[in-house]
Amino acid sequence: MNDLGKIMIWAGVLLVVMGTLFYFGSKFFALGRLPGDFKWENSNFGVYFPLGSSIVISIILTILLNVFLRH
């Protein structure tokens, strides 16, 4: 039960950090406007697929989780 508490605390810290980065990050980083982010618009329909941003976020999270969760 003690380990579950630690995991929940780290998950909360990670969510706060990610939320802060997303909130303030649009002013400093180009997330959502990277090459590979696809956007199709029609007069009545629009599709946005952030492939490039998803890859960058995945790489960053992989590095952070490997650093913090390595036993």
Protein backbone atom coordinates (compact mmCIF):
# COMPACT_ATOMS: atom_id res chain seq x y z
CA MET A 1 0.00 0.00 0.00
CA ASN A 2 2.95 2.30 0.66
CA ASP A 3 4.17 1.87 -2.92
CA LEU A 4 0.77 2.87 -4.29
CA GLY A 5 0.99 6.16 -2.42
CA LYS A 6 4.42 6.90 -3.89
CA ILE A 7 3.19 6.11 -7.39
CA MET A 8 0.19 8.41 -6.96
CA ILE A 9 2.40 11.24 -5.67
CA TRP A 10 4.79 10.91 -8.63
CA ALA A 11 1.86 10.73 -11.05
CA GLY A 12 0.47 13.93 -9.53
CA VAL A 13 3.81 15.70 -9.78
CA LEU A 14 4.14 14.57 -13.39
CA LEU A 15 0.64 15.84 -14.22
CA VAL A 16 1.36 19.23 -12.64
CA VAL A 17 4.64 19.56 -14.56
CA MET A 18 3.01 18.51 -17.83
CA GLY A 19 0.07 20.88 -17.26
CA THR A 20 2.43 23.76 -16.59
CA LEU A 21 4.45 22.96 -19.70
CA PHE A 22 1.33 22.83 -21.86
CA TYR A 23 -0.06 26.04 -20.38
CA PHE A 24 3.11 28.11 -20.69
CA GLY A 25 4.82 26.02 -23.35
CA SER A 26 2.83 27.40 -26.26
CA LYS A 27 4.59 30.71 -25.77
CA PHE A 28 8.06 29.16 -25.87
CA PHE A 29 7.70 25.89 -27.79
CA ALA A 30 6.01 25.18 -31.11
CA LEU A 31 3.94 22.21 -29.91
CA GLY A 32 0.99 21.92 -32.23
CA ARG A 33 2.82 23.66 -35.06
CA LEU A 34 5.65 21.22 -35.68
CA PRO A 35 6.41 19.61 -39.03
CA GLY A 36 4.34 16.46 -39.12
CA ASP A 37 1.29 18.02 -37.46
CA PHE A 38 -1.41 17.57 -40.06
CA LYS A 39 -4.41 19.86 -40.41
CA TRP A 40 -7.14 19.54 -43.03
CA GLU A 41 -9.98 22.01 -43.17
CA ASN A 42 -13.08 22.18 -45.29
CA SER A 43 -15.91 24.67 -45.10
CA ASN A 44 -17.86 22.46 -42.66
CA PHE A 45 -15.25 20.03 -41.41
CA GLY A 46 -11.76 20.08 -39.93
CA VAL A 47 -9.29 17.39 -38.87
CA TYR A 48 -6.15 17.97 -36.81
CA PHE A 49 -3.64 15.17 -36.22
CA PRO A 50 -0.59 16.23 -34.14
CA LEU A 51 1.79 13.46 -35.17
CA GLY A 52 5.02 15.48 -34.81
CA SER A 53 4.04 16.87 -31.40
CA SER A 54 3.01 13.40 -30.22
CA ILE A 55 6.41 11.99 -31.14
CA VAL A 56 8.26 14.80 -29.34
CA ILE A 57 6.12 14.42 -26.20
CA SER A 58 6.60 10.64 -26.28
CA ILE A 59 10.39 10.97 -26.46
CA ILE A 60 10.49 13.50 -23.62
CA LEU A 61 8.24 11.37 -21.39
CA THR A 62 10.27 8.24 -22.14
CA ILE A 63 13.47 9.97 -21.06
CA LEU A 64 11.90 11.44 -17.91
CA LEU A 65 10.28 8.19 -16.84
CA ASN A 66 13.50 6.24 -17.40
CA VAL A 67 15.43 8.74 -15.28
CA PHE A 68 12.92 8.86 -12.40
CA LEU A 69 11.68 5.27 -12.30
CA ARG A 70 14.96 3.42 -12.76
CA HIS A 71 15.50 1.02 -9.86
